[in-house]
């Protein structure tokens, strides 16, 4: 799996001995190859979240739909699976993200 710019930076910091970066790298989950597309989509689509005084919102349906079209997900069953996985990830992510913002 290729690293994003943020992950590359984190790897450099860990290599320099930063203990926080080292913990973050060691806690990084292993993503099965068949789920890497959805994992990447989740983090890419995160920038489309609304930000309010109450915290961050869910990834908008319209953003998920546009992303799916862009990457060729046109089959209804594939789209249903894609959005279901993203919503399940959001259900775990949002409480953590909003706890940090309060």
N, C-alpha and C. Protein backbone atom coordinates (compact mmCIF):
# COMPACT_ATOMS: atom_id res chain seq x y z
N UNK A 1 0.84 -1.18 0.00
CA UNK A 1 0.00 0.00 0.00
C UNK A 1 0.89 1.24 0.00
N UNK A 2 0.61 2.17 -0.87
CA UNK A 2 1.39 3.41 -0.95
C UNK A 2 1.03 4.33 0.21
N UNK A 3 2.00 5.08 0.65
CA UNK A 3 1.77 6.00 1.75
C UNK A 3 1.39 7.36 1.21
N UNK A 4 0.49 8.04 1.93
CA UNK A 4 0.14 9.41 1.58
C UNK A 4 1.26 10.33 2.07
N UNK A 5 1.16 11.61 1.75
CA UNK A 5 2.15 12.58 2.22
C UNK A 5 2.22 12.60 3.74
N UNK A 6 1.06 12.54 4.39
CA UNK A 6 1.03 12.56 5.85
C UNK A 6 1.71 11.31 6.42
N UNK A 7 1.45 10.17 5.82
CA UNK A 7 2.06 8.95 6.30
C UNK A 7 3.57 8.96 6.07
N UNK A 8 3.99 9.50 4.93
CA UNK A 8 5.42 9.62 4.65
C UNK A 8 6.11 10.48 5.69
N UNK A 9 5.46 11.60 6.04
CA UNK A 9 6.00 12.48 7.06
C UNK A 9 6.08 11.75 8.40
N UNK A 10 5.03 11.01 8.72
CA UNK A 10 5.00 10.27 9.98
C UNK A 10 6.11 9.22 10.03
N UNK A 11 6.34 8.55 8.91
CA UNK A 11 7.42 7.57 8.84
C UNK A 11 8.78 8.23 9.06
N UNK A 12 8.96 9.41 8.49
CA UNK A 12 10.22 10.14 8.69
C UNK A 12 10.41 10.53 10.15
N UNK A 13 9.34 11.01 10.76
CA UNK A 13 9.41 11.39 12.18
C UNK A 13 9.72 10.18 13.05
N UNK A 14 9.10 9.04 12.75
CA UNK A 14 9.36 7.82 13.51
C UNK A 14 10.80 7.38 13.33
N UNK A 15 11.31 7.49 12.11
CA UNK A 15 12.71 7.12 11.84
C UNK A 15 13.67 8.02 12.61
N UNK A 16 13.25 9.27 12.87
CA UNK A 16 14.07 10.19 13.65
C UNK A 16 13.91 9.99 15.15
N UNK A 17 13.10 9.01 15.55
CA UNK A 17 12.98 8.67 16.96
C UNK A 17 11.84 9.34 17.70
N UNK A 18 10.93 10.02 17.00
CA UNK A 18 9.80 10.67 17.66
C UNK A 18 8.89 9.60 18.26
N UNK A 19 8.72 9.57 19.60
CA UNK A 19 7.93 8.49 20.22
C UNK A 19 6.45 8.52 19.84
N UNK A 20 5.88 9.70 19.64
CA UNK A 20 4.47 9.78 19.25
C UNK A 20 4.29 9.21 17.84
N UNK A 21 5.19 9.57 16.94
CA UNK A 21 5.12 9.05 15.57
C UNK A 21 5.34 7.54 15.57
N UNK A 22 6.24 7.06 16.40
CA UNK A 22 6.51 5.62 16.47
C UNK A 22 5.27 4.87 16.94
N UNK A 23 4.55 5.39 17.94
CA UNK A 23 3.33 4.76 18.42
C UNK A 23 2.26 4.78 17.33
N UNK A 24 2.15 5.90 16.62
CA UNK A 24 1.14 6.02 15.57
C UNK A 24 1.38 5.02 14.46
N UNK A 25 2.63 4.86 14.07
CA UNK A 25 2.97 3.90 13.01
C UNK A 25 2.70 2.47 13.47
N UNK A 26 3.05 2.16 14.70
CA UNK A 26 2.86 0.79 15.18
C UNK A 26 1.38 0.46 15.37
N UNK A 27 0.54 1.48 15.57
CA UNK A 27 -0.89 1.25 15.76
C UNK A 27 -1.67 1.26 14.44
N UNK A 28 -0.99 1.50 13.33
CA UNK A 28 -1.67 1.56 12.03
C UNK A 28 -2.24 0.18 11.69
N UNK A 29 -3.52 0.14 11.35
CA UNK A 29 -4.14 -1.15 11.05
C UNK A 29 -3.65 -1.74 9.72
N UNK A 30 -3.70 -3.04 9.64
CA UNK A 30 -3.44 -3.73 8.37
C UNK A 30 -4.76 -3.77 7.60
N UNK A 31 -4.76 -3.26 6.41
CA UNK A 31 -5.97 -3.22 5.60
C UNK A 31 -5.87 -4.30 4.52
N UNK A 32 -6.86 -5.18 4.51
CA UNK A 32 -6.88 -6.25 3.51
C UNK A 32 -6.90 -5.63 2.11
N UNK A 33 -6.23 -6.26 1.16
CA UNK A 33 -6.15 -5.68 -0.19
C UNK A 33 -7.51 -5.33 -0.80
N UNK A 34 -8.54 -6.15 -0.56
CA UNK A 34 -9.84 -5.89 -1.17
C UNK A 34 -10.58 -4.72 -0.52
N UNK A 35 -10.05 -4.20 0.61
CA UNK A 35 -10.68 -3.07 1.28
C UNK A 35 -9.86 -1.78 1.17
N UNK A 36 -8.72 -1.83 0.52
CA UNK A 36 -7.86 -0.66 0.44
C UNK A 36 -8.51 0.49 -0.33
N UNK A 37 -9.29 0.20 -1.33
CA UNK A 37 -9.98 1.25 -2.07
C UNK A 37 -10.94 2.01 -1.16
N UNK A 38 -11.72 1.28 -0.37
CA UNK A 38 -12.68 1.91 0.54
C UNK A 38 -11.96 2.69 1.63
N UNK A 39 -10.87 2.14 2.15
CA UNK A 39 -10.07 2.82 3.18
C UNK A 39 -9.55 4.16 2.63
N UNK A 40 -9.00 4.13 1.45
CA UNK A 40 -8.51 5.36 0.84
C UNK A 40 -9.62 6.35 0.58
N UNK A 41 -10.77 5.85 0.11
CA UNK A 41 -11.92 6.72 -0.15
C UNK A 41 -12.39 7.40 1.13
N UNK A 42 -12.41 6.65 2.22
CA UNK A 42 -12.84 7.21 3.51
C UNK A 42 -11.99 8.42 3.89
N UNK A 43 -10.70 8.30 3.77
CA UNK A 43 -9.81 9.40 4.15
C UNK A 43 -9.85 10.53 3.13
N UNK A 44 -9.99 10.22 1.85
CA UNK A 44 -10.11 11.28 0.83
C UNK A 44 -11.40 12.06 1.02
N UNK A 45 -12.48 11.36 1.27
CA UNK A 45 -13.79 12.00 1.40
C UNK A 45 -13.95 12.77 2.71
N UNK A 46 -13.09 12.51 3.66
CA UNK A 46 -13.16 13.20 4.94
C UNK A 46 -13.06 14.71 4.82
N UNK A 47 -12.41 15.18 3.78
CA UNK A 47 -12.28 16.63 3.61
C UNK A 47 -13.59 17.28 3.18
N UNK A 48 -14.59 16.48 2.83
CA UNK A 48 -15.90 17.02 2.45
C UNK A 48 -16.85 17.13 3.64
N UNK A 49 -16.42 16.72 4.82
CA UNK A 49 -17.27 16.79 6.00
C UNK A 49 -17.59 18.23 6.35
N UNK A 50 -18.78 18.43 6.90
CA UNK A 50 -19.10 19.76 7.42
C UNK A 50 -18.46 19.90 8.80
N UNK A 51 -18.05 21.11 9.10
CA UNK A 51 -17.47 21.42 10.40
C UNK A 51 -18.35 22.45 11.09
N UNK A 52 -18.78 22.12 12.29
CA UNK A 52 -19.62 23.03 13.05
C UNK A 52 -19.04 23.19 14.44
N UNK A 53 -19.67 24.03 15.24
CA UNK A 53 -19.20 24.20 16.62
C UNK A 53 -19.37 22.89 17.40
N UNK A 54 -20.27 22.03 16.94
CA UNK A 54 -20.50 20.76 17.60
C UNK A 54 -19.54 19.66 17.17
N UNK A 55 -18.72 19.93 16.17
CA UNK A 55 -17.76 18.94 15.70
C UNK A 55 -17.88 18.71 14.21
N UNK A 56 -17.45 17.53 13.80
CA UNK A 56 -17.46 17.19 12.38
C UNK A 56 -18.70 16.37 12.06
N UNK A 57 -19.16 16.50 10.82
CA UNK A 57 -20.33 15.76 10.37
C UNK A 57 -19.93 14.54 9.56
N UNK A 58 -20.94 13.79 9.19
CA UNK A 58 -20.73 12.60 8.36
C UNK A 58 -20.31 13.02 6.95
N UNK A 59 -19.71 12.11 6.24
CA UNK A 59 -19.37 12.35 4.83
C UNK A 59 -20.69 12.47 4.07
N UNK A 60 -20.88 13.56 3.33
CA UNK A 60 -22.15 13.74 2.61
C UNK A 60 -22.37 12.66 1.53
N UNK A 61 -23.64 12.28 1.38
CA UNK A 61 -24.00 11.30 0.35
C UNK A 61 -23.53 11.78 -1.03
N UNK A 62 -23.72 13.06 -1.31
CA UNK A 62 -23.36 13.58 -2.63
C UNK A 62 -21.87 13.40 -2.92
N UNK A 63 -21.04 13.52 -1.90
CA UNK A 63 -19.60 13.32 -2.08
C UNK A 63 -19.28 11.86 -2.36
N UNK A 64 -19.95 10.97 -1.65
CA UNK A 64 -19.74 9.54 -1.86
C UNK A 64 -20.19 9.16 -3.26
N UNK A 65 -21.35 9.68 -3.67
CA UNK A 65 -21.88 9.39 -4.99
C UNK A 65 -20.93 9.87 -6.09
N UNK A 66 -20.43 11.09 -5.98
CA UNK A 66 -19.49 11.62 -6.99
C UNK A 66 -18.21 10.80 -7.04
N UNK A 67 -17.70 10.40 -5.87
CA UNK A 67 -16.49 9.60 -5.80
C UNK A 67 -16.71 8.26 -6.49
N UNK A 68 -17.85 7.64 -6.20
CA UNK A 68 -18.17 6.35 -6.82
C UNK A 68 -18.23 6.46 -8.34
N UNK A 69 -18.89 7.49 -8.83
CA UNK A 69 -18.99 7.70 -10.28
C UNK A 69 -17.60 7.91 -10.87
N UNK A 70 -16.80 8.75 -10.21
CA UNK A 70 -15.44 9.05 -10.69
C UNK A 70 -14.62 7.78 -10.85
N UNK A 71 -14.80 6.84 -9.92
CA UNK A 71 -13.99 5.62 -9.94
C UNK A 71 -14.72 4.41 -10.51
N UNK A 72 -15.82 4.66 -11.21
CA UNK A 72 -16.47 3.60 -11.98
C UNK A 72 -17.37 2.65 -11.21
N UNK A 73 -17.83 3.05 -10.05
CA UNK A 73 -18.78 2.19 -9.32
C UNK A 73 -20.17 2.56 -9.81
N UNK A 74 -20.67 1.79 -10.76
CA UNK A 74 -21.98 2.07 -11.35
C UNK A 74 -23.02 1.00 -11.02
N UNK A 75 -22.56 -0.17 -10.62
CA UNK A 75 -23.46 -1.26 -10.25
C UNK A 75 -24.12 -0.93 -8.90
N UNK A 76 -25.44 -1.10 -8.82
CA UNK A 76 -26.19 -0.76 -7.61
C UNK A 76 -25.69 -1.54 -6.39
N UNK A 77 -25.43 -2.83 -6.56
CA UNK A 77 -24.96 -3.63 -5.43
C UNK A 77 -23.58 -3.19 -4.96
N UNK A 78 -22.70 -2.86 -5.90
CA UNK A 78 -21.37 -2.38 -5.53
C UNK A 78 -21.46 -1.04 -4.80
N UNK A 79 -22.33 -0.15 -5.29
CA UNK A 79 -22.48 1.14 -4.63
C UNK A 79 -23.06 0.96 -3.24
N UNK A 80 -24.04 0.08 -3.09
CA UNK A 80 -24.64 -0.17 -1.79
C UNK A 80 -23.59 -0.68 -0.81
N UNK A 81 -22.74 -1.57 -1.25
CA UNK A 81 -21.67 -2.08 -0.40
C UNK A 81 -20.68 -0.97 -0.05
N UNK A 82 -20.32 -0.16 -1.04
CA UNK A 82 -19.37 0.94 -0.85
C UNK A 82 -19.89 1.93 0.19
N UNK A 83 -21.14 2.36 0.03
CA UNK A 83 -21.67 3.34 0.97
C UNK A 83 -21.89 2.73 2.36
N UNK A 84 -22.28 1.47 2.41
CA UNK A 84 -22.47 0.81 3.70
C UNK A 84 -21.16 0.74 4.48
N UNK A 85 -20.08 0.37 3.78
CA UNK A 85 -18.77 0.32 4.43
C UNK A 85 -18.33 1.70 4.92
N UNK A 86 -18.52 2.72 4.08
CA UNK A 86 -18.14 4.08 4.49
C UNK A 86 -18.97 4.54 5.68
N UNK A 87 -20.25 4.26 5.70
CA UNK A 87 -21.11 4.66 6.82
C UNK A 87 -20.72 3.92 8.10
N UNK A 88 -20.33 2.65 7.98
CA UNK A 88 -19.89 1.91 9.16
C UNK A 88 -18.59 2.49 9.71
N UNK A 89 -17.69 2.87 8.82
CA UNK A 89 -16.44 3.50 9.25
C UNK A 89 -16.73 4.84 9.91
N UNK A 90 -17.65 5.61 9.32
CA UNK A 90 -18.03 6.89 9.90
C UNK A 90 -18.63 6.71 11.30
N UNK A 91 -19.43 5.66 11.47
CA UNK A 91 -20.06 5.41 12.77
C UNK A 91 -19.01 5.20 13.87
N UNK A 92 -17.87 4.66 13.50
CA UNK A 92 -16.78 4.48 14.47
C UNK A 92 -15.93 5.75 14.61
N UNK A 93 -15.74 6.45 13.49
CA UNK A 93 -14.86 7.62 13.46
C UNK A 93 -15.47 8.85 14.14
N UNK A 94 -16.73 9.14 13.85
CA UNK A 94 -17.34 10.38 14.32
C UNK A 94 -17.34 10.56 15.83
N UNK A 95 -17.70 9.55 16.62
CA UNK A 95 -17.64 9.76 18.07
C UNK A 95 -16.24 10.09 18.58
N UNK A 96 -15.24 9.48 17.97
CA UNK A 96 -13.86 9.74 18.38
C UNK A 96 -13.45 11.15 17.98
N UNK A 97 -13.75 11.51 16.74
CA UNK A 97 -13.39 12.85 16.23
C UNK A 97 -14.10 13.94 17.01
N UNK A 98 -15.36 13.71 17.33
CA UNK A 98 -16.14 14.74 18.03
C UNK A 98 -15.81 14.80 19.52
N UNK A 99 -15.35 13.71 20.06
CA UNK A 99 -14.89 13.74 21.45
C UNK A 99 -13.63 14.60 21.57
N UNK A 100 -12.76 14.48 20.58
CA UNK A 100 -11.52 15.27 20.55
C UNK A 100 -11.81 16.76 20.38
N UNK A 101 -12.87 17.09 19.63
CA UNK A 101 -13.15 18.50 19.34
C UNK A 101 -13.86 19.20 20.51
N UNK A 102 -14.40 18.45 21.44
CA UNK A 102 -15.11 19.05 22.59
C UNK A 102 -14.18 19.36 23.73
